[in-house]
C-alpha atoms as a PDB file:
ATOM      1  CA  MET A   1     -21.375  13.868 -15.824  1.00  0.00           C
ATOM      2  CA  LEU A   2     -17.667  13.924 -16.587  1.00  0.00           C
ATOM      3  CA  LYS A   3     -16.450  15.419 -13.137  1.00  0.00           C
ATOM      4  CA  LYS A   4     -18.829  12.700 -11.203  1.00  0.00           C
ATOM      5  CA  LEU A   5     -17.136  10.131 -12.952  1.00  0.00           C
ATOM      6  CA  LEU A   6     -14.039  11.294 -11.684  1.00  0.00           C
ATOM      7  CA  ILE A   7     -14.728  11.739  -8.289  1.00  0.00           C
ATOM      8  CA  ILE A   8     -16.812   7.558  -8.311  1.00  0.00           C
ATOM      9  CA  SER A   9     -13.645   6.869  -9.561  1.00  0.00           C
ATOM     10  CA  CYS A  10     -11.898   8.231  -6.787  1.00  0.00           C
ATOM     11  CA  ILE A  11     -13.725   6.792  -4.705  1.00  0.00           C
ATOM     12  CA  VAL A  12     -13.291   3.091  -5.545  1.00  0.00           C
ATOM     13  CA  LEU A  13     -10.080   3.264  -6.165  1.00  0.00           C
ATOM     14  CA  LEU A  14      -7.905   5.345  -4.114  1.00  0.00           C
ATOM     15  CA  PRO A  15      -8.802   2.788  -0.937  1.00  0.00           C
ATOM     16  CA  VAL A  16      -7.406   0.040  -2.877  1.00  0.00           C
ATOM     17  CA  THR A  17      -4.041   1.770  -3.641  1.00  0.00           C
ATOM     18  CA  ILE A  18      -4.361   2.503  -0.553  1.00  0.00           C
ATOM     19  CA  VAL A  19      -4.538  -1.065   1.155  1.00  0.00           C
ATOM     20  CA  ASN A  20      -2.150  -2.370  -1.273  1.00  0.00           C
ATOM     21  CA  ALA A  21       0.285   0.017  -0.052  1.00  0.00           C
ATOM     22  CA  SER A  22      -0.288  -0.151   3.634  1.00  0.00           C
ATOM     23  CA  SER A  23       0.231  -4.627   3.553  1.00  0.00           C
ATOM     24  CA  TYR A  24       4.058  -4.118   3.077  1.00  0.00           C
ATOM     25  CA  LYS A  25       5.787  -5.198   6.022  1.00  0.00           C
ATOM     26  CA  VAL A  26       9.196  -4.227   6.364  1.00  0.00           C
ATOM     27  CA  ASN A  27      11.211  -6.775   8.014  1.00  0.00           C
ATOM     28  CA  LYS A  28      14.753  -8.532   6.884  1.00  0.00           C
ATOM     29  CA  VAL A  29      13.214 -11.050   5.374  1.00  0.00           C
ATOM     30  CA  SER A  30      10.969  -9.122   2.912  1.00  0.00           C
ATOM     31  CA  CYS A  31      13.670  -6.194   2.349  1.00  0.00           C
ATOM     32  CA  SER A  32      15.879  -9.170   1.167  1.00  0.00           C
ATOM     33  CA  TYR A  33      14.386  -9.506  -2.167  1.00  0.00           C
ATOM     34  CA  VAL A  34      13.191  -6.173  -2.831  1.00  0.00           C
ATOM     35  CA  GLN A  35      16.699  -5.361  -4.883  1.00  0.00           C
ATOM     36  CA  SER A  36      16.107  -8.626  -6.884  1.00  0.00           C
ATOM     37  CA  ASN A  37      12.428  -7.965  -7.461  1.00  0.00           C
ATOM     38  CA  ILE A  38      13.395  -4.541  -8.466  1.00  0.00           C
ATOM     39  CA  ALA A  39      15.863  -6.136 -11.186  1.00  0.00           C
ATOM     40  CA  SER A  40      13.459  -8.915 -12.694  1.00  0.00           C
ATOM     41  CA  THR A  41      10.663  -6.314 -13.022  1.00  0.00           C
ATOM     42  CA  LYS A  42      13.324  -3.961 -15.103  1.00  0.00           C
ATOM     43  CA  ASP A  43      14.074  -7.054 -17.255  1.00  0.00           C
ATOM     44  CA  ASP A  44       9.962  -7.130 -18.045  1.00  0.00           C
ATOM     45  CA  MET A  45      10.083  -3.736 -19.576  1.00  0.00           C
ATOM     46  CA  ARG A  46      13.058  -4.069 -21.776  1.00  0.00           C
ATOM     47  CA  VAL A  47      11.027  -6.702 -23.646  1.00  0.00           C
ATOM     48  CA  ASN A  48       7.827  -5.982 -26.196  1.00  0.00           C
ATOM     49  CA  TYR A  49       4.959  -5.694 -23.662  1.00  0.00           C
ATOM     50  CA  THR A  50       1.508  -4.212 -24.337  1.00  0.00           C
ATOM     51  CA  GLU A  51       0.341  -0.719 -22.727  1.00  0.00           C
ATOM     52  CA  ALA A  52      -1.533  -2.367 -19.976  1.00  0.00           C
ATOM     53  CA  LYS A  53       1.089  -4.520 -18.820  1.00  0.00           C
ATOM     54  CA  GLY A  54       3.442  -1.708 -19.133  1.00  0.00           C
ATOM     55  CA  GLU A  55       0.687   0.378 -16.944  1.00  0.00           C
ATOM     56  CA  ARG A  56       0.757  -2.581 -14.338  1.00  0.00           C
ATOM     57  CA  LEU A  57       5.144  -2.959 -14.749  1.00  0.00           C
ATOM     58  CA  ARG A  58       5.404   0.877 -14.159  1.00  0.00           C
ATOM     59  CA  ALA A  59       3.021   0.584 -10.802  1.00  0.00           C
ATOM     60  CA  LYS A  60       4.911  -2.498  -9.473  1.00  0.00           C
ATOM     61  CA  LEU A  61       8.218  -0.526 -10.152  1.00  0.00           C
ATOM     62  CA  GLN A  62       7.025   2.344  -8.179  1.00  0.00           C
ATOM     63  CA  LEU A  63       5.623   0.235  -5.435  1.00  0.00           C
ATOM     64  CA  LEU A  64       9.133  -1.704  -5.300  1.00  0.00           C
ATOM     65  CA  LYS A  65      11.023   1.498  -5.138  1.00  0.00           C
ATOM     66  CA  GLU A  66       8.656   2.822  -1.749  1.00  0.00           C
ATOM     67  CA  GLN A  67       9.573  -0.894  -0.661  1.00  0.00           C
ATOM     68  CA  ARG A  68      12.999  -0.336  -0.988  1.00  0.00           C
ATOM     69  CA  ARG A  69      13.193   3.179   0.388  1.00  0.00           C
ATOM     70  CA  ASP A  70      11.180   1.956   3.699  1.00  0.00           C
ATOM     71  CA  CYS A  71      13.557  -0.744   4.123  1.00  0.00           C
ATOM     72  CA  LYS A  72      16.446   1.766   3.848  1.00  0.00           C
ATOM     73  CA  ARG A  73      15.281   3.940   6.263  1.00  0.00           C
ATOM     74  CA  LYS A  74      14.797   0.845   9.094  1.00  0.00           C
ATOM     75  CA  LYS A  75      18.610   0.042   8.074  1.00  0.00           C
ATOM     76  CA  PHE A  76      17.403  -3.651   6.229  1.00  0.00           C
ATOM     77  CA  ALA A  77      19.899  -4.361   3.734  1.00  0.00           C
ATOM     78  CA  THR A  78      17.368  -4.616  -0.061  1.00  0.00           C
ATOM     79  CA  TYR A  79      19.359  -7.661  -1.584  1.00  0.00           C
ATOM     80  CA  GLN A  80      20.465 -11.222  -0.528  1.00  0.00           C
END
């Protein structure tokens, strides 16, 4: 039963993650705000928050770091 639940949740959640990751377009404008968004998210993580909000902040920070990496690969500045 647990295996079935795990498989079903992977089938449902995995495409959502792939769509969210692929919807980001690397260009000069979007890259210029990445570093400030990372700093803002880190500031939010220093404040008291619930476990659910903490998970969302960690996921957001991970996504922003991936975006910064993509911007650096394209040689775009990640700050304003």
